[in-house]
Amino acid sequence: MAVNLGQTLIVFFFSTLPKGDVSAALYKFEMDKDHTGSTNPDHRDATVEEILHTINDVGHARVYPWAFKVDEDGEYRSMLANAMDVARGGFFTEIPSQSYQK
């Protein structure tokens, strides 16, 4: 958990992780100890989400890359990425000005 760390230090931390190591950023302002795991906008807690990112990166994506691999460069498209594109109406590198059609 990054507490009161400057952005430069956080970037340094993630850029110096050994190859194959994984970490998820969880900031103090993202946690609500009274509503752990809540997705309620008034009491959102990102702890479970960040733990699941780590589990997916070191577990699911390594065992089943064809289904779950996350490639932020867009060179590799997993089944999950393709399904998400269909659900949201396409692949976007920027937030579209209009929301998707239901």
PDB file of N, CA and C in Angstrom:
ATOM      1  N   MET A   1       0.843  -1.167   0.000  1.00  0.00           N
ATOM      2  CA  MET A   1       0.000   0.000   0.000  1.00  0.00           C
ATOM      3  C   MET A   1       0.895   1.239   0.000  1.00  0.00           C
ATOM      4  N   ALA A   2       0.601   2.119  -0.896  1.00  0.00           N
ATOM      5  CA  ALA A   2       1.373   3.357  -0.982  1.00  0.00           C
ATOM      6  C   ALA A   2       0.703   4.426  -0.132  1.00  0.00           C
ATOM      7  N   VAL A   3       1.369   4.863   0.893  1.00  0.00           N
ATOM      8  CA  VAL A   3       0.825   5.888   1.778  1.00  0.00           C
ATOM      9  C   VAL A   3       1.707   7.124   1.674  1.00  0.00           C
ATOM     10  N   ASN A   4       1.125   8.206   1.197  1.00  0.00           N
ATOM     11  CA  ASN A   4       1.826   9.487   1.104  1.00  0.00           C
ATOM     12  C   ASN A   4       3.147   9.403   0.333  1.00  0.00           C
ATOM     13  N   LEU A   5       3.196   8.561  -0.667  1.00  0.00           N
ATOM     14  CA  LEU A   5       4.390   8.484  -1.510  1.00  0.00           C
ATOM     15  C   LEU A   5       4.195   9.395  -2.704  1.00  0.00           C
ATOM     16  N   GLY A   6       5.227  10.079  -3.094  1.00  0.00           N
ATOM     17  CA  GLY A   6       5.143  10.922  -4.268  1.00  0.00           C
ATOM     18  C   GLY A   6       5.024  10.083  -5.532  1.00  0.00           C
ATOM     19  N   GLN A   7       4.459  10.669  -6.574  1.00  0.00           N
ATOM     20  CA  GLN A   7       4.265   9.952  -7.837  1.00  0.00           C
ATOM     21  C   GLN A   7       5.589   9.436  -8.384  1.00  0.00           C
ATOM     22  N   THR A   8       6.668  10.183  -8.225  1.00  0.00           N
ATOM     23  CA  THR A   8       7.971   9.761  -8.720  1.00  0.00           C
ATOM     24  C   THR A   8       8.414   8.458  -8.057  1.00  0.00           C
ATOM     25  N   LEU A   9       8.210   8.350  -6.751  1.00  0.00           N
ATOM     26  CA  LEU A   9       8.594   7.137  -6.029  1.00  0.00           C
ATOM     27  C   LEU A   9       7.733   5.948  -6.450  1.00  0.00           C
ATOM     28  N   ILE A  10       6.457   6.181  -6.672  1.00  0.00           N
ATOM     29  CA  ILE A  10       5.562   5.099  -7.106  1.00  0.00           C
ATOM     30  C   ILE A  10       5.974   4.604  -8.487  1.00  0.00           C
ATOM     31  N   VAL A  11       6.253   5.509  -9.410  1.00  0.00           N
ATOM     32  CA  VAL A  11       6.710   5.129 -10.754  1.00  0.00           C
ATOM     33  C   VAL A  11       8.015   4.352 -10.651  1.00  0.00           C
ATOM     34  N   PHE A  12       8.927   4.800  -9.797  1.00  0.00           N
ATOM     35  CA  PHE A  12      10.191   4.095  -9.594  1.00  0.00           C
ATOM     36  C   PHE A  12       9.945   2.676  -9.089  1.00  0.00           C
ATOM     37  N   PHE A  13       9.065   2.533  -8.110  1.00  0.00           N
ATOM     38  CA  PHE A  13       8.762   1.213  -7.558  1.00  0.00           C
ATOM     39  C   PHE A  13       8.299   0.256  -8.648  1.00  0.00           C
ATOM     40  N   PHE A  14       7.310   0.665  -9.435  1.00  0.00           N
ATOM     41  CA  PHE A  14       6.770  -0.220 -10.458  1.00  0.00           C
ATOM     42  C   PHE A  14       7.760  -0.468 -11.598  1.00  0.00           C
ATOM     43  N   SER A  15       8.590   0.516 -11.914  1.00  0.00           N
ATOM     44  CA  SER A  15       9.543   0.344 -13.018  1.00  0.00           C
ATOM     45  C   SER A  15      10.733  -0.529 -12.627  1.00  0.00           C
ATOM     46  N   THR A  16      10.957  -0.734 -11.324  1.00  0.00           N
ATOM     47  CA  THR A  16      12.098  -1.542 -10.894  1.00  0.00           C
ATOM     48  C   THR A  16      11.704  -2.935 -10.421  1.00  0.00           C
ATOM     49  N   LEU A  17      10.443  -3.304 -10.566  1.00  0.00           N
ATOM     50  CA  LEU A  17      10.050  -4.669 -10.208  1.00  0.00           C
ATOM     51  C   LEU A  17      10.791  -5.655 -11.111  1.00  0.00           C
ATOM     52  N   PRO A  18      11.337  -6.728 -10.550  1.00  0.00           N
ATOM     53  CA  PRO A  18      11.999  -7.739 -11.393  1.00  0.00           C
ATOM     54  C   PRO A  18      11.017  -8.326 -12.402  1.00  0.00           C
ATOM     55  N   LYS A  19      11.526  -8.721 -13.553  1.00  0.00           N
ATOM     56  CA  LYS A  19      10.687  -9.294 -14.610  1.00  0.00           C
ATOM     57  C   LYS A  19       9.905 -10.474 -14.055  1.00  0.00           C
ATOM     58  N   GLY A  20       8.626 -10.485 -14.298  1.00  0.00           N
ATOM     59  CA  GLY A  20       7.766 -11.554 -13.823  1.00  0.00           C
ATOM     60  C   GLY A  20       7.077 -11.258 -12.503  1.00  0.00           C
ATOM     61  N   ASP A  21       7.571 -10.264 -11.766  1.00  0.00           N
ATOM     62  CA  ASP A  21       6.920  -9.892 -10.511  1.00  0.00           C
ATOM     63  C   ASP A  21       5.714  -9.010 -10.810  1.00  0.00           C
ATOM     64  N   VAL A  22       4.745  -9.061  -9.931  1.00  0.00           N
ATOM     65  CA  VAL A  22       3.509  -8.309 -10.128  1.00  0.00           C
ATOM     66  C   VAL A  22       3.160  -7.575  -8.849  1.00  0.00           C
ATOM     67  N   SER A  23       2.618  -6.405  -9.009  1.00  0.00           N
ATOM     68  CA  SER A  23       2.134  -5.642  -7.868  1.00  0.00           C
ATOM     69  C   SER A  23       0.958  -4.803  -8.333  1.00  0.00           C
ATOM     70  N   ALA A  24       0.046  -4.524  -7.427  1.00  0.00           N
ATOM     71  CA  ALA A  24      -1.091  -3.665  -7.741  1.00  0.00           C
ATOM     72  C   ALA A  24      -1.051  -2.478  -6.790  1.00  0.00           C
ATOM     73  N   ALA A  25      -1.310  -1.318  -7.316  1.00  0.00           N
ATOM     74  CA  ALA A  25      -1.305  -0.106  -6.486  1.00  0.00           C
ATOM     75  C   ALA A  25      -2.617   0.003  -5.734  1.00  0.00           C
ATOM     76  N   LEU A  26      -2.512   0.208  -4.434  1.00  0.00           N
ATOM     77  CA  LEU A  26      -3.684   0.438  -3.597  1.00  0.00           C
ATOM     78  C   LEU A  26      -3.366   1.614  -2.692  1.00  0.00           C
ATOM     79  N   TYR A  27      -4.042   2.697  -2.925  1.00  0.00           N
ATOM     80  CA  TYR A  27      -3.785   3.923  -2.180  1.00  0.00           C
ATOM     81  C   TYR A  27      -4.734   4.036  -0.987  1.00  0.00           C
ATOM     82  N   LYS A  28      -4.300   4.744   0.034  1.00  0.00           N
ATOM     83  CA  LYS A  28      -5.086   4.890   1.252  1.00  0.00           C
ATOM     84  C   LYS A  28      -6.472   5.472   0.951  1.00  0.00           C
ATOM     85  N   PHE A  29      -6.546   6.448   0.028  1.00  0.00           N
ATOM     86  CA  PHE A  29      -7.839   7.067  -0.277  1.00  0.00           C
ATOM     87  C   PHE A  29      -8.788   6.115  -0.992  1.00  0.00           C
ATOM     88  N   GLU A  30      -8.274   4.977  -1.496  1.00  0.00           N
ATOM     89  CA  GLU A  30      -9.118   3.996  -2.178  1.00  0.00           C
ATOM     90  C   GLU A  30      -9.732   2.975  -1.217  1.00  0.00           C
ATOM     91  N   MET A  31      -9.356   3.036   0.041  1.00  0.00           N
ATOM     92  CA  MET A  31      -9.819   2.046   1.010  1.00  0.00           C
ATOM     93  C   MET A  31     -10.844   2.631   1.964  1.00  0.00           C
ATOM     94  N   ASP A  32     -11.794   1.798   2.311  1.00  0.00           N
ATOM     95  CA  ASP A  32     -12.797   2.159   3.311  1.00  0.00           C
ATOM     96  C   ASP A  32     -12.937   0.950   4.221  1.00  0.00           C
ATOM     97  N   LYS A  33     -12.249   0.972   5.353  1.00  0.00           N
ATOM     98  CA  LYS A  33     -12.199  -0.200   6.235  1.00  0.00           C
ATOM     99  C   LYS A  33     -13.567  -0.574   6.798  1.00  0.00           C
ATOM    100  N   ASP A  34     -14.508   0.349   6.770  1.00  0.00           N
ATOM    101  CA  ASP A  34     -15.853   0.055   7.266  1.00  0.00           C
ATOM    102  C   ASP A  34     -16.754  -0.544   6.189  1.00  0.00           C
ATOM    103  N   HIS A  35     -16.306  -0.525   4.944  1.00  0.00           N
ATOM    104  CA  HIS A  35     -17.099  -1.060   3.834  1.00  0.00           C
ATOM    105  C   HIS A  35     -16.189  -1.848   2.887  1.00  0.00           C
ATOM    106  N   THR A  36     -15.428  -2.781   3.416  1.00  0.00           N
ATOM    107  CA  THR A  36     -14.445  -3.530   2.632  1.00  0.00           C
ATOM    108  C   THR A  36     -15.095  -4.202   1.429  1.00  0.00           C
ATOM    109  N   GLY A  37     -14.516  -3.958   0.249  1.00  0.00           N
ATOM    110  CA  GLY A  37     -14.998  -4.576  -0.979  1.00  0.00           C
ATOM    111  C   GLY A  37     -16.224  -3.921  -1.575  1.00  0.00           C
ATOM    112  N   SER A  38     -16.730  -2.871  -0.972  1.00  0.00           N
ATOM    113  CA  SER A  38     -17.950  -2.218  -1.450  1.00  0.00           C
ATOM    114  C   SER A  38     -17.717  -1.518  -2.781  1.00  0.00           C
ATOM    115  N   THR A  39     -18.711  -1.588  -3.661  1.00  0.00           N
ATOM    116  CA  THR A  39     -18.675  -0.849  -4.919  1.00  0.00           C
ATOM    117  C   THR A  39     -19.652   0.330  -4.883  1.00  0.00           C
ATOM    118  N   ASN A  40     -20.274   0.556  -3.740  1.00  0.00           N
ATOM    119  CA  ASN A  40     -21.166   1.692  -3.564  1.00  0.00           C
ATOM    120  C   ASN A  40     -20.342   2.971  -3.752  1.00  0.00           C
ATOM    121  N   PRO A  41     -20.743   3.860  -4.659  1.00  0.00           N
ATOM    122  CA  PRO A  41     -19.954   5.076  -4.913  1.00  0.00           C
ATOM    123  C   PRO A  41     -19.701   5.921  -3.668  1.00  0.00           C
ATOM    124  N   ASP A  42     -20.595   5.853  -2.685  1.00  0.00           N
ATOM    125  CA  ASP A  42     -20.417   6.638  -1.463  1.00  0.00           C
ATOM    126  C   ASP A  42     -19.431   5.987  -0.486  1.00  0.00           C
ATOM    127  N   HIS A  43     -19.195   4.684  -0.642  1.00  0.00           N
ATOM    128  CA  HIS A  43     -18.318   3.948   0.272  1.00  0.00           C
ATOM    129  C   HIS A  43     -17.466   2.949  -0.505  1.00  0.00           C
ATOM    130  N   ARG A  44     -16.867   3.371  -1.595  1.00  0.00           N
ATOM    131  CA  ARG A  44     -16.118   2.451  -2.449  1.00  0.00           C
ATOM    132  C   ARG A  44     -14.806   2.046  -1.797  1.00  0.00           C
ATOM    133  N   ASP A  45     -14.519   0.740  -1.875  1.00  0.00           N
ATOM    134  CA  ASP A  45     -13.263   0.203  -1.369  1.00  0.00           C
ATOM    135  C   ASP A  45     -12.652  -0.649  -2.477  1.00  0.00           C
ATOM    136  N   ALA A  46     -11.444  -0.321  -2.897  1.00  0.00           N
ATOM    137  CA  ALA A  46     -10.802  -0.989  -4.030  1.00  0.00           C
ATOM    138  C   ALA A  46      -9.913  -2.164  -3.631  1.00  0.00           C
ATOM    139  N   THR A  47      -9.897  -2.531  -2.360  1.00  0.00           N
ATOM    140  CA  THR A  47      -9.003  -3.587  -1.897  1.00  0.00           C
ATOM    141  C   THR A  47      -9.215  -4.890  -2.653  1.00  0.00           C
ATOM    142  N   VAL A  48     -10.450  -5.379  -2.715  1.00  0.00           N
ATOM    143  CA  VAL A  48     -10.735  -6.649  -3.387  1.00  0.00           C
ATOM    144  C   VAL A  48     -10.383  -6.555  -4.867  1.00  0.00           C
ATOM    145  N   GLU A  49     -10.716  -5.444  -5.507  1.00  0.00           N
ATOM    146  CA  GLU A  49     -10.399  -5.256  -6.925  1.00  0.00           C
ATOM    147  C   GLU A  49      -8.898  -5.388  -7.172  1.00  0.00           C
ATOM    148  N   GLU A  50      -8.079  -4.731  -6.359  1.00  0.00           N
ATOM    149  CA  GLU A  50      -6.632  -4.775  -6.562  1.00  0.00           C
ATOM    150  C   GLU A  50      -6.060  -6.160  -6.272  1.00  0.00           C
ATOM    151  N   ILE A  51      -6.610  -6.857  -5.285  1.00  0.00           N
ATOM    152  CA  ILE A  51      -6.183  -8.234  -5.015  1.00  0.00           C
ATOM    153  C   ILE A  51      -6.513  -9.117  -6.210  1.00  0.00           C
ATOM    154  N   LEU A  52      -7.701  -8.939  -6.787  1.00  0.00           N
ATOM    155  CA  LEU A  52      -8.085  -9.750  -7.952  1.00  0.00           C
ATOM    156  C   LEU A  52      -7.218  -9.440  -9.170  1.00  0.00           C
ATOM    157  N   HIS A  53      -6.791  -8.186  -9.338  1.00  0.00           N
ATOM    158  CA  HIS A  53      -5.859  -7.868 -10.429  1.00  0.00           C
ATOM    159  C   HIS A  53      -4.578  -8.691 -10.273  1.00  0.00           C
ATOM    160  N   THR A  54      -4.067  -8.759  -9.056  1.00  0.00           N
ATOM    161  CA  THR A  54      -2.831  -9.505  -8.804  1.00  0.00           C
ATOM    162  C   THR A  54      -3.035 -10.991  -9.035  1.00  0.00           C
ATOM    163  N   ILE A  55      -4.135 -11.547  -8.539  1.00  0.00           N
ATOM    164  CA  ILE A  55      -4.427 -12.970  -8.753  1.00  0.00           C
ATOM    165  C   ILE A  55      -4.538 -13.262 -10.243  1.00  0.00           C
ATOM    166  N   ASN A  56      -5.216 -12.398 -10.974  1.00  0.00           N
ATOM    167  CA  ASN A  56      -5.360 -12.615 -12.411  1.00  0.00           C
ATOM    168  C   ASN A  56      -4.006 -12.566 -13.118  1.00  0.00           C
ATOM    169  N   ASP A  57      -3.169 -11.588 -12.758  1.00  0.00           N
ATOM    170  CA  ASP A  57      -1.872 -11.433 -13.423  1.00  0.00           C
ATOM    171  C   ASP A  57      -0.928 -12.605 -13.163  1.00  0.00           C
ATOM    172  N   VAL A  58      -0.877 -13.094 -11.931  1.00  0.00           N
ATOM    173  CA  VAL A  58       0.078 -14.172 -11.607  1.00  0.00           C
ATOM    174  C   VAL A  58      -0.546 -15.555 -11.671  1.00  0.00           C
ATOM    175  N   GLY A  59      -1.840 -15.627 -11.786  1.00  0.00           N
ATOM    176  CA  GLY A  59      -2.519 -16.921 -11.826  1.00  0.00           C
ATOM    177  C   GLY A  59      -3.177 -17.193 -13.166  1.00  0.00           C
ATOM    178  N   HIS A  60      -4.386 -16.693 -13.309  1.00  0.00           N
ATOM    179  CA  HIS A  60      -5.191 -16.980 -14.502  1.00  0.00           C
ATOM    180  C   HIS A  60      -4.475 -16.653 -15.808  1.00  0.00           C
ATOM    181  N   ALA A  61      -3.902 -15.464 -15.903  1.00  0.00           N
ATOM    182  CA  ALA A  61      -3.292 -15.018 -17.158  1.00  0.00           C
ATOM    183  C   ALA A  61      -2.054 -15.824 -17.527  1.00  0.00           C
ATOM    184  N   ARG A  62      -1.340 -16.338 -16.543  1.00  0.00           N
ATOM    185  CA  ARG A  62      -0.149 -17.144 -16.852  1.00  0.00           C
ATOM    186  C   ARG A  62      -0.516 -18.576 -17.211  1.00  0.00           C
ATOM    187  N   VAL A  63      -1.572 -19.099 -16.611  1.00  0.00           N
ATOM    188  CA  VAL A  63      -1.992 -20.468 -16.894  1.00  0.00           C
ATOM    189  C   VAL A  63      -2.826 -20.524 -18.174  1.00  0.00           C
ATOM    190  N   TYR A  64      -3.685 -19.548 -18.379  1.00  0.00           N
ATOM    191  CA  TYR A  64      -4.576 -19.504 -19.546  1.00  0.00           C
ATOM    192  C   TYR A  64      -4.405 -18.178 -20.290  1.00  0.00           C
ATOM    193  N   PRO A  65      -3.243 -17.923 -20.887  1.00  0.00           N
ATOM    194  CA  PRO A  65      -3.027 -16.622 -21.535  1.00  0.00           C
ATOM    195  C   PRO A  65      -3.992 -16.353 -22.684  1.00  0.00           C
ATOM    196  N   TRP A  66      -4.389 -17.387 -23.394  1.00  0.00           N
ATOM    197  CA  TRP A  66      -5.316 -17.207 -24.510  1.00  0.00           C
ATOM    198  C   TRP A  66      -6.669 -16.671 -24.033  1.00  0.00           C
ATOM    199  N   ALA A  67      -7.000 -16.921 -22.770  1.00  0.00           N
ATOM    200  CA  ALA A  67      -8.288 -16.482 -22.247  1.00  0.00           C
ATOM    201  C   ALA A  67      -8.203 -15.185 -21.452  1.00  0.00           C
ATOM    202  N   PHE A  68      -7.108 -14.987 -20.677  1.00  0.00           N
ATOM    203  CA  PHE A  68      -7.081 -13.901 -19.704  1.00  0.00           C
ATOM    204  C   PHE A  68      -5.910 -12.924 -19.803  1.00  0.00           C
ATOM    205  N   LYS A  69      -4.947 -13.158 -20.675  1.00  0.00           N
ATOM    206  CA  LYS A  69      -3.764 -12.300 -20.702  1.00  0.00           C
ATOM    207  C   LYS A  69      -4.132 -10.843 -20.937  1.00  0.00           C
ATOM    208  N   VAL A  70      -3.497  -9.971 -20.172  1.00  0.00           N
ATOM    209  CA  VAL A  70      -3.703  -8.530 -20.317  1.00  0.00           C
ATOM    210  C   VAL A  70      -2.490  -7.968 -21.044  1.00  0.00           C
ATOM    211  N   ASP A  71      -2.731  -7.405 -22.215  1.00  0.00           N
ATOM    212  CA  ASP A  71      -1.656  -6.801 -22.997  1.00  0.00           C
ATOM    213  C   ASP A  71      -2.025  -5.352 -23.244  1.00  0.00           C
ATOM    214  N   GLU A  72      -1.411  -4.479 -22.490  1.00  0.00           N
ATOM    215  CA  GLU A  72      -1.782  -3.068 -22.570  1.00  0.00           C
ATOM    216  C   GLU A  72      -1.334  -2.406 -23.862  1.00  0.00           C
ATOM    217  N   ASP A  73      -0.449  -3.057 -24.615  1.00  0.00           N
ATOM    218  CA  ASP A  73      -0.029  -2.506 -25.902  1.00  0.00           C
ATOM    219  C   ASP A  73      -1.020  -2.846 -27.005  1.00  0.00           C
ATOM    220  N   GLY A  74      -1.942  -3.771 -26.730  1.00  0.00           N
ATOM    221  CA  GLY A  74      -2.948  -4.142 -27.713  1.00  0.00           C
ATOM    222  C   GLY A  74      -2.452  -5.098 -28.782  1.00  0.00           C
ATOM    223  N   GLU A  75      -1.238  -5.635 -28.609  1.00  0.00           N
ATOM    224  CA  GLU A  75      -0.697  -6.551 -29.615  1.00  0.00           C
ATOM    225  C   GLU A  75      -1.315  -7.944 -29.499  1.00  0.00           C
ATOM    226  N   TYR A  76      -1.748  -8.310 -28.308  1.00  0.00           N
ATOM    227  CA  TYR A  76      -2.328  -9.625 -28.078  1.00  0.00           C
ATOM    228  C   TYR A  76      -3.737  -9.438 -27.546  1.00  0.00           C
ATOM    229  N   ARG A  77      -4.704 -10.090 -28.143  1.00  0.00           N
ATOM    230  CA  ARG A  77      -6.099  -9.947 -27.721  1.00  0.00           C
ATOM    231  C   ARG A  77      -6.590 -11.272 -27.146  1.00  0.00           C
ATOM    232  N   SER A  78      -6.833 -11.317 -25.849  1.00  0.00           N
ATOM    233  CA  SER A  78      -7.349 -12.526 -25.201  1.00  0.00           C
ATOM    234  C   SER A  78      -8.853 -12.633 -25.438  1.00  0.00           C
ATOM    235  N   MET A  79      -9.403 -13.795 -25.095  1.00  0.00           N
ATOM    236  CA  MET A  79     -10.849 -13.990 -25.198  1.00  0.00           C
ATOM    237  C   MET A  79     -11.585 -12.983 -24.314  1.00  0.00           C
ATOM    238  N   LEU A  80     -11.041 -12.726 -23.130  1.00  0.00           N
ATOM    239  CA  LEU A  80     -11.663 -11.768 -22.218  1.00  0.00           C
ATOM    240  C   LEU A  80     -11.662 -10.363 -22.830  1.00  0.00           C
ATOM    241  N   ALA A  81     -10.524  -9.947 -23.391  1.00  0.00           N
ATOM    242  CA  ALA A  81     -10.443  -8.622 -24.010  1.00  0.00           C
ATOM    243  C   ALA A  81     -11.428  -8.503 -25.169  1.00  0.00           C
ATOM    244  N   ASN A  82     -11.519  -9.538 -25.982  1.00  0.00           N
ATOM    245  CA  ASN A  82     -12.460  -9.508 -27.113  1.00  0.00           C
ATOM    246  C   ASN A  82     -13.908  -9.440 -26.629  1.00  0.00           C
ATOM    247  N   ALA A  83     -14.237 -10.197 -25.564  1.00  0.00           N
ATOM    248  CA  ALA A  83     -15.596 -10.176 -25.023  1.00  0.00           C
ATOM    249  C   ALA A  83     -15.927  -8.798 -24.436  1.00  0.00           C
ATOM    250  N   MET A  84     -14.939  -8.181 -23.771  1.00  0.00           N
ATOM    251  CA  MET A  84     -15.160  -6.839 -23.221  1.00  0.00           C
ATOM    252  C   MET A  84     -15.385  -5.824 -24.334  1.00  0.00           C
ATOM    253  N   ASP A  85     -14.656  -5.971 -25.444  1.00  0.00           N
ATOM    254  CA  ASP A  85     -14.842  -5.066 -26.582  1.00  0.00           C
ATOM    255  C   ASP A  85     -16.254  -5.177 -27.142  1.00  0.00           C
ATOM    256  N   VAL A  86     -16.752  -6.406 -27.253  1.00  0.00           N
ATOM    257  CA  VAL A  86     -18.115  -6.619 -27.751  1.00  0.00           C
ATOM    258  C   VAL A  86     -19.114  -5.985 -26.781  1.00  0.00           C
ATOM    259  N   ALA A  87     -18.907  -6.201 -25.474  1.00  0.00           N
ATOM    260  CA  ALA A  87     -19.844  -5.691 -24.467  1.00  0.00           C
ATOM    261  C   ALA A  87     -19.912  -4.168 -24.452  1.00  0.00           C
ATOM    262  N   ARG A  88     -18.783  -3.504 -24.686  1.00  0.00           N
ATOM    263  CA  ARG A  88     -18.793  -2.040 -24.611  1.00  0.00           C
ATOM    264  C   ARG A  88     -18.901  -1.384 -25.989  1.00  0.00           C
ATOM    265  N   GLY A  89     -19.047  -2.177 -27.038  1.00  0.00           N
ATOM    266  CA  GLY A  89     -19.274  -1.619 -28.361  1.00  0.00           C
ATOM    267  C   GLY A  89     -18.028  -1.281 -29.141  1.00  0.00           C
ATOM    268  N   GLY A  90     -16.900  -1.898 -28.826  1.00  0.00           N
ATOM    269  CA  GLY A  90     -15.673  -1.685 -29.577  1.00  0.00           C
ATOM    270  C   GLY A  90     -14.453  -1.584 -28.693  1.00  0.00           C
ATOM    271  N   PHE A  91     -13.281  -1.484 -29.351  1.00  0.00           N
ATOM    272  CA  PHE A  91     -12.006  -1.314 -28.661  1.00  0.00           C
ATOM    273  C   PHE A  91     -11.653   0.162 -28.711  1.00  0.00           C
ATOM    274  N   PHE A  92     -11.357   0.762 -27.564  1.00  0.00           N
ATOM    275  CA  PHE A  92     -11.074   2.181 -27.498  1.00  0.00           C
ATOM    276  C   PHE A  92      -9.738   2.412 -26.811  1.00  0.00           C
ATOM    277  N   THR A  93      -8.924   3.283 -27.374  1.00  0.00           N
ATOM    278  CA  THR A  93      -7.683   3.674 -26.711  1.00  0.00           C
ATOM    279  C   THR A  93      -7.887   4.950 -25.905  1.00  0.00           C
ATOM    280  N   GLU A  94      -9.015   5.633 -26.147  1.00  0.00           N
ATOM    281  CA  GLU A  94      -9.400   6.816 -25.386  1.00  0.00           C
ATOM    282  C   GLU A  94     -10.867   6.690 -25.028  1.00  0.00           C
ATOM    283  N   ILE A  95     -11.291   7.404 -24.007  1.00  0.00           N
ATOM    284  CA  ILE A  95     -12.688   7.361 -23.590  1.00  0.00           C
ATOM    285  C   ILE A  95     -13.550   8.004 -24.669  1.00  0.00           C
ATOM    286  N   PRO A  96     -14.529   7.267 -25.211  1.00  0.00           N
ATOM    287  CA  PRO A  96     -15.372   7.844 -26.269  1.00  0.00           C
ATOM    288  C   PRO A  96     -16.262   8.958 -25.739  1.00  0.00           C
ATOM    289  N   SER A  97     -16.624   9.876 -26.623  1.00  0.00           N
ATOM    290  CA  SER A  97     -17.454  11.008 -26.210  1.00  0.00           C
ATOM    291  C   SER A  97     -18.894  10.577 -25.932  1.00  0.00           C
ATOM    292  N   GLN A  98     -19.347   9.481 -26.560  1.00  0.00           N
ATOM    293  CA  GLN A  98     -20.691   8.967 -26.323  1.00  0.00           C
ATOM    294  C   GLN A  98     -20.580   7.578 -25.711  1.00  0.00           C
ATOM    295  N   SER A  99     -21.519   7.251 -24.839  1.00  0.00           N
ATOM    296  CA  SER A  99     -21.509   5.929 -24.219  1.00  0.00           C
ATOM    297  C   SER A  99     -22.040   4.899 -25.210  1.00  0.00           C
ATOM    298  N   TYR A 100     -21.814   3.644 -24.888  1.00  0.00           N
ATOM    299  CA  TYR A 100     -22.225   2.558 -25.755  1.00  0.00           C
ATOM    300  C   TYR A 100     -23.745   2.426 -25.792  1.00  0.00           C
ATOM    301  N   GLN A 101     -24.239   1.764 -26.821  1.00  0.00           N
ATOM    302  CA  GLN A 101     -25.679   1.521 -26.958  1.00  0.00           C
ATOM    303  C   GLN A 101     -26.017   0.172 -26.336  1.00  0.00           C
ATOM    304  N   LYS A 102     -27.089   0.129 -25.573  1.00  0.00           N
ATOM    305  CA  LYS A 102     -27.527  -1.135 -24.961  1.00  0.00           C
ATOM    306  C   LYS A 102     -28.280  -1.971 -25.957  1.00  0.00           C
TER     307      LYS A 102
END
